[in-house]
Every structure is written in C-alpha cells, then in structure tokens.
N, C-alpha and C. Protein backbone atom coordinates (compact mmCIF):
# COMPACT_ATOMS: atom_id res chain seq x y z
N MET A 1 0.85 -1.17 0.00
CA MET A 1 0.00 0.00 0.00
C MET A 1 0.90 1.23 0.00
N LEU A 2 0.98 1.93 -1.08
CA LEU A 2 1.81 3.13 -1.17
C LEU A 2 1.04 4.38 -0.84
N ALA A 3 -0.23 4.43 -1.19
CA ALA A 3 -1.05 5.59 -0.85
C ALA A 3 -2.46 5.10 -0.56
N ASP A 4 -3.10 5.75 0.37
CA ASP A 4 -4.42 5.33 0.78
C ASP A 4 -5.22 6.56 1.18
N ASN A 5 -6.37 6.74 0.54
CA ASN A 5 -7.27 7.82 0.92
C ASN A 5 -8.29 7.24 1.89
N PHE A 6 -8.68 8.00 2.89
CA PHE A 6 -9.65 7.51 3.85
C PHE A 6 -10.47 8.67 4.40
N ASN A 7 -11.36 8.36 5.32
CA ASN A 7 -12.28 9.31 5.94
C ASN A 7 -13.34 9.81 4.95
N ASN A 8 -13.84 8.91 4.11
CA ASN A 8 -14.93 9.15 3.17
C ASN A 8 -14.72 10.30 2.19
N ASP A 9 -14.36 11.47 2.68
CA ASP A 9 -14.21 12.61 1.79
C ASP A 9 -12.84 12.61 1.09
N GLU A 10 -12.02 11.59 1.36
CA GLU A 10 -10.71 11.46 0.74
C GLU A 10 -9.84 12.70 0.98
N LYS A 11 -10.09 13.36 2.08
CA LYS A 11 -9.32 14.55 2.42
C LYS A 11 -7.91 14.21 2.86
N TYR A 12 -7.73 13.06 3.50
CA TYR A 12 -6.44 12.67 4.06
C TYR A 12 -5.82 11.54 3.26
N ILE A 13 -4.53 11.63 3.04
CA ILE A 13 -3.81 10.65 2.21
C ILE A 13 -2.67 10.06 3.03
N LEU A 14 -2.67 8.73 3.16
CA LEU A 14 -1.59 8.02 3.81
C LEU A 14 -0.63 7.54 2.73
N ARG A 15 0.65 7.89 2.86
CA ARG A 15 1.64 7.56 1.83
C ARG A 15 3.02 7.59 2.43
N ARG A 16 3.99 7.21 1.61
CA ARG A 16 5.39 7.29 2.03
C ARG A 16 5.87 8.74 2.01
N LEU A 17 6.87 9.00 2.85
CA LEU A 17 7.48 10.32 2.89
C LEU A 17 8.03 10.69 1.51
N GLU A 18 7.85 11.94 1.14
CA GLU A 18 8.38 12.47 -0.12
C GLU A 18 9.35 13.61 0.21
N ILE A 19 10.24 13.87 -0.72
CA ILE A 19 11.28 14.88 -0.49
C ILE A 19 10.71 16.27 -0.27
N THR A 20 9.51 16.53 -0.76
CA THR A 20 8.88 17.84 -0.59
C THR A 20 8.18 17.99 0.76
N ASP A 21 8.14 16.94 1.58
CA ASP A 21 7.39 16.99 2.83
C ASP A 21 8.01 17.87 3.90
N LYS A 22 9.27 18.22 3.77
CA LYS A 22 9.86 19.15 4.73
C LYS A 22 9.09 20.46 4.70
N LYS A 23 8.75 20.91 3.51
CA LYS A 23 8.02 22.18 3.35
C LYS A 23 6.56 22.06 3.81
N LYS A 24 6.11 20.84 4.07
CA LYS A 24 4.73 20.61 4.49
C LYS A 24 4.61 20.39 6.00
N GLY A 25 5.69 20.73 6.73
CA GLY A 25 5.63 20.69 8.18
C GLY A 25 6.09 19.40 8.82
N PHE A 26 6.81 18.56 8.08
CA PHE A 26 7.25 17.27 8.62
C PHE A 26 8.14 17.44 9.85
N ILE A 27 9.12 18.32 9.81
CA ILE A 27 10.03 18.50 10.94
C ILE A 27 9.29 19.09 12.13
N GLU A 28 8.41 20.04 11.89
CA GLU A 28 7.62 20.63 12.98
C GLU A 28 6.73 19.57 13.64
N LEU A 29 6.23 18.64 12.87
CA LEU A 29 5.43 17.55 13.44
C LEU A 29 6.30 16.69 14.35
N LEU A 30 7.50 16.34 13.93
CA LEU A 30 8.41 15.56 14.77
C LEU A 30 8.75 16.29 16.06
N GLN A 31 8.76 17.62 16.02
CA GLN A 31 9.05 18.42 17.21
C GLN A 31 7.95 18.28 18.26
N GLN A 32 6.76 17.84 17.86
CA GLN A 32 5.70 17.58 18.83
C GLN A 32 5.94 16.27 19.58
N LEU A 33 6.84 15.43 19.06
CA LEU A 33 7.15 14.14 19.66
C LEU A 33 8.34 14.20 20.61
N THR A 34 9.41 14.85 20.17
CA THR A 34 10.66 14.82 20.92
C THR A 34 11.56 15.97 20.48
N VAL A 35 12.74 16.01 21.03
CA VAL A 35 13.72 17.02 20.65
C VAL A 35 14.09 16.81 19.19
N CYS A 36 13.87 17.83 18.40
CA CYS A 36 14.17 17.76 16.97
C CYS A 36 14.53 19.17 16.53
N ASP A 37 15.83 19.41 16.43
CA ASP A 37 16.29 20.74 16.03
C ASP A 37 15.88 21.01 14.59
N SER A 38 16.00 22.25 14.18
CA SER A 38 15.71 22.57 12.78
C SER A 38 16.70 21.82 11.90
N VAL A 39 16.26 21.46 10.72
CA VAL A 39 17.06 20.69 9.77
C VAL A 39 17.14 21.50 8.49
N SER A 40 18.35 21.73 8.00
CA SER A 40 18.49 22.50 6.76
C SER A 40 17.92 21.69 5.59
N ASP A 41 17.58 22.39 4.54
CA ASP A 41 17.07 21.71 3.34
C ASP A 41 18.08 20.68 2.84
N LYS A 42 19.36 21.04 2.83
CA LYS A 42 20.40 20.12 2.35
C LYS A 42 20.48 18.88 3.22
N ASP A 43 20.48 19.07 4.56
CA ASP A 43 20.55 17.93 5.46
C ASP A 43 19.31 17.04 5.31
N PHE A 44 18.15 17.65 5.12
CA PHE A 44 16.93 16.87 4.92
C PHE A 44 17.05 16.05 3.63
N GLU A 45 17.47 16.69 2.56
CA GLU A 45 17.61 16.00 1.27
C GLU A 45 18.63 14.88 1.35
N ASP A 46 19.76 15.11 2.02
CA ASP A 46 20.79 14.08 2.16
C ASP A 46 20.25 12.88 2.94
N ARG A 47 19.58 13.13 4.06
CA ARG A 47 19.03 12.03 4.86
C ARG A 47 17.92 11.31 4.10
N PHE A 48 17.08 12.07 3.40
CA PHE A 48 16.01 11.46 2.61
C PHE A 48 16.60 10.49 1.58
N GLU A 49 17.62 10.94 0.85
CA GLU A 49 18.25 10.09 -0.17
C GLU A 49 18.90 8.86 0.46
N GLU A 50 19.50 9.04 1.62
CA GLU A 50 20.10 7.91 2.33
C GLU A 50 19.04 6.86 2.67
N LEU A 51 17.90 7.32 3.18
CA LEU A 51 16.83 6.40 3.54
C LEU A 51 16.20 5.75 2.31
N VAL A 52 16.04 6.50 1.25
CA VAL A 52 15.49 5.94 0.01
C VAL A 52 16.39 4.82 -0.50
N SER A 53 17.70 4.98 -0.34
CA SER A 53 18.64 3.96 -0.82
C SER A 53 18.48 2.64 -0.07
N GLU A 54 17.84 2.67 1.10
CA GLU A 54 17.60 1.44 1.86
C GLU A 54 16.35 0.72 1.39
N GLY A 55 15.65 1.29 0.42
CA GLY A 55 14.48 0.63 -0.15
C GLY A 55 13.41 0.36 0.89
N ASP A 56 12.86 -0.85 0.86
CA ASP A 56 11.79 -1.22 1.77
C ASP A 56 12.29 -1.57 3.17
N ASN A 57 13.59 -1.50 3.41
CA ASN A 57 14.12 -1.81 4.74
C ASN A 57 13.99 -0.66 5.72
N HIS A 58 13.64 0.53 5.24
CA HIS A 58 13.37 1.67 6.12
C HIS A 58 12.29 2.52 5.45
N VAL A 59 11.12 2.51 6.03
CA VAL A 59 9.98 3.22 5.45
C VAL A 59 9.45 4.23 6.44
N ILE A 60 9.27 5.45 5.97
CA ILE A 60 8.59 6.49 6.75
C ILE A 60 7.28 6.78 6.03
N CYS A 61 6.19 6.70 6.77
CA CYS A 61 4.90 7.04 6.16
C CYS A 61 4.40 8.34 6.79
N VAL A 62 3.56 9.02 6.06
CA VAL A 62 2.94 10.26 6.53
C VAL A 62 1.47 10.24 6.16
N ILE A 63 0.72 11.04 6.86
CA ILE A 63 -0.65 11.36 6.46
C ILE A 63 -0.67 12.84 6.14
N GLU A 64 -1.09 13.14 4.93
CA GLU A 64 -1.17 14.53 4.46
C GLU A 64 -2.63 14.96 4.40
N ASP A 65 -2.89 16.16 4.89
CA ASP A 65 -4.20 16.77 4.74
C ASP A 65 -4.28 17.28 3.30
N GLY A 66 -5.16 16.69 2.51
CA GLY A 66 -5.28 17.03 1.10
C GLY A 66 -5.75 18.45 0.85
N ASN A 67 -6.42 19.04 1.81
CA ASN A 67 -6.89 20.42 1.65
C ASN A 67 -5.80 21.44 1.93
N THR A 68 -5.02 21.21 2.99
CA THR A 68 -4.01 22.19 3.39
C THR A 68 -2.60 21.83 2.91
N GLY A 69 -2.39 20.56 2.58
CA GLY A 69 -1.05 20.11 2.20
C GLY A 69 -0.15 19.88 3.40
N LYS A 70 -0.69 19.98 4.60
CA LYS A 70 0.10 19.82 5.82
C LYS A 70 0.23 18.35 6.20
N ILE A 71 1.43 17.94 6.66
CA ILE A 71 1.64 16.60 7.18
C ILE A 71 1.09 16.58 8.60
N VAL A 72 0.13 15.67 8.87
CA VAL A 72 -0.55 15.65 10.17
C VAL A 72 -0.24 14.40 10.99
N ALA A 73 0.46 13.43 10.41
CA ALA A 73 0.85 12.23 11.16
C ALA A 73 2.02 11.57 10.46
N THR A 74 2.82 10.85 11.24
CA THR A 74 3.95 10.14 10.65
C THR A 74 4.38 9.00 11.57
N GLY A 75 5.16 8.12 11.03
CA GLY A 75 5.79 7.02 11.77
C GLY A 75 6.77 6.33 10.84
N SER A 76 7.66 5.54 11.41
CA SER A 76 8.63 4.84 10.58
C SER A 76 8.79 3.41 11.05
N VAL A 77 9.27 2.56 10.15
CA VAL A 77 9.62 1.19 10.49
C VAL A 77 10.91 0.85 9.76
N PHE A 78 11.83 0.22 10.47
CA PHE A 78 13.01 -0.29 9.81
C PHE A 78 13.13 -1.78 10.10
N ILE A 79 13.71 -2.48 9.17
CA ILE A 79 13.80 -3.94 9.23
C ILE A 79 15.21 -4.34 9.65
N GLU A 80 15.29 -5.07 10.75
CA GLU A 80 16.56 -5.60 11.25
C GLU A 80 16.71 -7.04 10.77
N LYS A 81 17.83 -7.32 10.12
CA LYS A 81 18.12 -8.67 9.64
C LYS A 81 18.96 -9.39 10.68
N LYS A 82 18.52 -10.59 11.09
CA LYS A 82 19.13 -11.31 12.19
C LYS A 82 19.67 -12.67 11.74
N PHE A 83 20.47 -13.27 12.59
CA PHE A 83 20.91 -14.65 12.37
C PHE A 83 19.97 -15.62 13.06
N ILE A 84 19.38 -15.19 14.18
CA ILE A 84 18.47 -16.09 14.90
C ILE A 84 17.19 -16.30 14.10
N ARG A 85 16.44 -17.32 14.51
CA ARG A 85 15.16 -17.65 13.86
C ARG A 85 15.32 -17.83 12.36
N ASN A 86 16.29 -18.64 11.98
CA ASN A 86 16.53 -18.93 10.56
C ASN A 86 16.79 -17.68 9.75
N CYS A 87 17.68 -16.85 10.25
CA CYS A 87 18.00 -15.57 9.59
C CYS A 87 16.75 -14.71 9.43
N GLY A 88 15.98 -14.65 10.50
CA GLY A 88 14.73 -13.91 10.48
C GLY A 88 14.92 -12.40 10.47
N LYS A 89 13.80 -11.72 10.41
CA LYS A 89 13.77 -10.26 10.38
C LYS A 89 12.81 -9.75 11.45
N VAL A 90 13.14 -8.58 12.01
CA VAL A 90 12.31 -7.92 13.00
C VAL A 90 12.03 -6.51 12.53
N GLY A 91 10.79 -6.08 12.61
CA GLY A 91 10.44 -4.70 12.31
C GLY A 91 10.49 -3.87 13.58
N HIS A 92 11.05 -2.68 13.48
CA HIS A 92 11.12 -1.74 14.61
C HIS A 92 10.33 -0.48 14.24
N ILE A 93 9.24 -0.23 14.95
CA ILE A 93 8.44 0.97 14.70
C ILE A 93 8.96 2.09 15.60
N GLU A 94 9.11 3.26 15.00
CA GLU A 94 9.66 4.42 15.69
C GLU A 94 8.91 5.69 15.28
N ASP A 95 9.05 6.71 16.10
CA ASP A 95 8.69 8.09 15.76
C ASP A 95 7.25 8.26 15.27
N VAL A 96 6.30 7.62 15.96
CA VAL A 96 4.88 7.79 15.62
C VAL A 96 4.38 9.04 16.32
N VAL A 97 3.83 9.95 15.55
CA VAL A 97 3.28 11.19 16.11
C VAL A 97 2.14 11.69 15.23
N VAL A 98 1.13 12.23 15.90
CA VAL A 98 -0.03 12.83 15.23
C VAL A 98 -0.10 14.28 15.67
N ASP A 99 -0.32 15.18 14.74
CA ASP A 99 -0.43 16.60 15.04
C ASP A 99 -1.53 16.83 16.08
N ALA A 100 -1.26 17.70 17.02
CA ALA A 100 -2.20 17.98 18.11
C ALA A 100 -3.58 18.36 17.58
N SER A 101 -3.65 19.02 16.43
CA SER A 101 -4.93 19.48 15.89
C SER A 101 -5.77 18.35 15.29
N THR A 102 -5.16 17.17 15.08
CA THR A 102 -5.91 16.08 14.44
C THR A 102 -5.94 14.82 15.30
N ARG A 103 -5.55 14.93 16.56
CA ARG A 103 -5.61 13.75 17.43
C ARG A 103 -7.06 13.38 17.67
N GLY A 104 -7.30 12.08 17.85
CA GLY A 104 -8.65 11.57 18.04
C GLY A 104 -9.33 11.19 16.75
N MET A 105 -8.63 11.28 15.62
CA MET A 105 -9.21 10.95 14.31
C MET A 105 -8.70 9.60 13.80
N ASN A 106 -8.07 8.81 14.67
CA ASN A 106 -7.54 7.48 14.34
C ASN A 106 -6.36 7.50 13.39
N PHE A 107 -5.70 8.64 13.25
CA PHE A 107 -4.54 8.70 12.36
C PHE A 107 -3.37 7.89 12.90
N GLY A 108 -3.17 7.92 14.21
CA GLY A 108 -2.11 7.12 14.81
C GLY A 108 -2.31 5.64 14.52
N LYS A 109 -3.54 5.20 14.66
CA LYS A 109 -3.86 3.79 14.39
C LYS A 109 -3.60 3.46 12.92
N LYS A 110 -3.97 4.35 12.02
CA LYS A 110 -3.72 4.14 10.59
C LYS A 110 -2.23 4.01 10.30
N VAL A 111 -1.43 4.88 10.92
CA VAL A 111 0.02 4.85 10.73
C VAL A 111 0.59 3.53 11.24
N VAL A 112 0.21 3.14 12.46
CA VAL A 112 0.73 1.90 13.05
C VAL A 112 0.30 0.69 12.22
N GLU A 113 -0.93 0.67 11.74
CA GLU A 113 -1.39 -0.44 10.89
C GLU A 113 -0.58 -0.52 9.60
N PHE A 114 -0.32 0.62 8.98
CA PHE A 114 0.47 0.66 7.75
C PHE A 114 1.87 0.11 7.99
N LEU A 115 2.52 0.57 9.06
CA LEU A 115 3.89 0.14 9.36
C LEU A 115 3.94 -1.34 9.74
N THR A 116 2.96 -1.78 10.52
CA THR A 116 2.88 -3.19 10.91
C THR A 116 2.69 -4.08 9.69
N GLN A 117 1.80 -3.68 8.80
CA GLN A 117 1.55 -4.47 7.59
C GLN A 117 2.80 -4.50 6.72
N HIS A 118 3.52 -3.40 6.66
CA HIS A 118 4.76 -3.39 5.87
C HIS A 118 5.76 -4.39 6.43
N ALA A 119 5.95 -4.39 7.76
CA ALA A 119 6.88 -5.34 8.38
C ALA A 119 6.45 -6.78 8.09
N ASN A 120 5.16 -7.04 8.18
CA ASN A 120 4.64 -8.37 7.87
C ASN A 120 4.93 -8.75 6.43
N SER A 121 4.71 -7.82 5.52
CA SER A 121 4.94 -8.10 4.09
C SER A 121 6.42 -8.32 3.78
N MET A 122 7.30 -7.81 4.65
CA MET A 122 8.74 -7.99 4.47
C MET A 122 9.24 -9.29 5.10
N GLY A 123 8.31 -10.07 5.67
CA GLY A 123 8.67 -11.36 6.24
C GLY A 123 9.16 -11.32 7.67
N CYS A 124 8.87 -10.25 8.38
CA CYS A 124 9.29 -10.16 9.78
C CYS A 124 8.51 -11.16 10.63
N TYR A 125 9.19 -11.76 11.61
CA TYR A 125 8.50 -12.67 12.51
C TYR A 125 7.90 -11.93 13.70
N LYS A 126 8.30 -10.66 13.91
CA LYS A 126 7.67 -9.83 14.93
C LYS A 126 7.95 -8.37 14.62
N VAL A 127 7.16 -7.51 15.26
CA VAL A 127 7.36 -6.07 15.19
C VAL A 127 7.42 -5.58 16.63
N ILE A 128 8.40 -4.73 16.91
CA ILE A 128 8.53 -4.20 18.27
C ILE A 128 8.57 -2.68 18.24
N LEU A 129 8.22 -2.09 19.38
CA LEU A 129 8.29 -0.64 19.53
C LEU A 129 8.42 -0.31 21.00
N ASP A 130 8.92 0.87 21.26
CA ASP A 130 9.00 1.40 22.61
C ASP A 130 7.99 2.53 22.71
N CYS A 131 7.37 2.65 23.88
CA CYS A 131 6.44 3.76 24.09
C CYS A 131 6.44 4.16 25.55
N SER A 132 5.92 5.33 25.81
CA SER A 132 5.78 5.81 27.18
C SER A 132 4.59 5.10 27.83
N ALA A 133 4.57 5.11 29.15
CA ALA A 133 3.49 4.46 29.88
C ALA A 133 2.12 5.02 29.49
N GLU A 134 2.07 6.33 29.23
CA GLU A 134 0.77 6.93 28.88
C GLU A 134 0.28 6.54 27.50
N ASN A 135 1.16 6.02 26.65
CA ASN A 135 0.74 5.57 25.31
C ASN A 135 0.47 4.07 25.23
N ARG A 136 0.65 3.38 26.33
CA ARG A 136 0.47 1.91 26.34
C ARG A 136 -0.92 1.49 25.87
N VAL A 137 -1.96 2.13 26.37
CA VAL A 137 -3.33 1.76 26.00
C VAL A 137 -3.56 1.93 24.50
N PHE A 138 -3.02 3.01 23.94
CA PHE A 138 -3.15 3.23 22.49
C PHE A 138 -2.57 2.06 21.71
N TYR A 139 -1.35 1.64 22.06
CA TYR A 139 -0.71 0.56 21.32
C TYR A 139 -1.40 -0.78 21.56
N GLU A 140 -1.97 -0.96 22.74
CA GLU A 140 -2.76 -2.18 22.99
C GLU A 140 -3.98 -2.22 22.06
N LYS A 141 -4.59 -1.06 21.81
CA LYS A 141 -5.72 -1.00 20.87
C LYS A 141 -5.28 -1.31 19.44
N CYS A 142 -4.00 -1.14 19.17
CA CYS A 142 -3.44 -1.46 17.85
C CYS A 142 -2.98 -2.92 17.76
N GLY A 143 -3.21 -3.70 18.83
CA GLY A 143 -2.87 -5.11 18.82
C GLY A 143 -1.53 -5.46 19.44
N TYR A 144 -0.86 -4.50 20.05
CA TYR A 144 0.44 -4.75 20.68
C TYR A 144 0.23 -5.07 22.15
N LYS A 145 1.21 -5.76 22.73
CA LYS A 145 1.15 -6.06 24.16
C LYS A 145 2.50 -5.81 24.79
N GLN A 146 2.48 -5.51 26.08
CA GLN A 146 3.73 -5.28 26.81
C GLN A 146 4.50 -6.58 26.91
N ASN A 147 5.82 -6.50 26.70
CA ASN A 147 6.68 -7.67 26.78
C ASN A 147 8.04 -7.22 27.30
N GLN A 148 8.43 -7.72 28.46
CA GLN A 148 9.73 -7.41 29.05
C GLN A 148 9.80 -5.94 29.46
N ILE A 149 11.02 -5.41 29.50
CA ILE A 149 11.25 -4.01 29.85
C ILE A 149 12.24 -3.41 28.86
N GLN A 150 12.32 -2.12 28.83
CA GLN A 150 13.25 -1.43 27.93
C GLN A 150 14.39 -0.88 28.76
N MET A 151 15.58 -0.95 28.20
CA MET A 151 16.76 -0.33 28.79
C MET A 151 17.32 0.64 27.75
N VAL A 152 17.94 1.70 28.21
CA VAL A 152 18.49 2.69 27.28
C VAL A 152 19.73 3.33 27.88
N LYS A 153 20.64 3.70 27.02
CA LYS A 153 21.79 4.51 27.42
C LYS A 153 21.95 5.58 26.37
N TYR A 154 21.87 6.83 26.81
CA TYR A 154 22.01 7.96 25.88
C TYR A 154 23.45 8.44 25.86
N PHE A 155 23.89 8.93 24.74
CA PHE A 155 25.20 9.53 24.60
C PHE A 155 25.02 11.03 24.42
N SER A 156 25.80 11.83 25.11
CA SER A 156 25.63 13.28 25.03
C SER A 156 26.32 13.85 23.81
C-alpha cells in the first residue's frame, strides 16, 4: 500500500514520505514528539536520499491533509536482519506522532497499521516498539502487548 485515501471525503492521504514533505511541516510535526532541532534543506535532502537507498528496509509514512497540504501524522519502520530464527527479520516501529490538531481521528492507528503491515509483508517474525506508559493503551488498541522491559543509554 503506497497511498491510501480515507475518511470518506478522501481529504487525508496516507503515503510514504516524499522529499517535498519538509516544506509541508514534517520537521515541525516531529518536534511535537521529541527534541528535533531545525534541519536544513540540504541535510533533509541528504538524509532522505540515504533512507530511500535502503528501499523497503526503512519506510517512513505520513498522512497529508489534502486540503491544506500539511503533514498531520507520521511514523517509521526499519527492518533488522538477524541470524536467529533462521536468519529472520524484526520490524522496529519508531517516531509515531499525530499533530495535536488532528488527534482523536484514528490517524495514529492508521500509521501503526500501515507500518505493521509493511513489516509483515517484508517477512518479519515480529514487530517491536517502545512507548511511554501513557501511550500503552493506544498501542494495545493497535494489537500490541507489553513484553519485558526497555533499557536505554544515551550519549551526550
């Protein structure tokens, strides 16, 4: 599924990230999720091309408001290739965020479903993600369950 119109009036379009999406508020949307400094056009283009070169192993999807052209939701999935489980693959979902003005419209669920289906179509035996305690119920509604604990070490 590369593009999907939904919400009856086909106002919103779910699709893969495009190089023009920086001008449509993509970076500002990520800033609603976490620390995300401004990104120059050149840095955005370089990173975009780097990710495109990974093909289906790293996919960023967005939901665009067809009326305003604004990006209102996004998320990404990357595929980890392993030696365990007969050289299996694991999907890692990251950076899911919905614009504050469109929360409650099931856009987060649409993004997670898209990314989950992509990991499944790539032959992953599981998909994993990290989330805050307050987002646990949302991900449970998307079919995920808590498993183990997360550990992290940040580098300054």
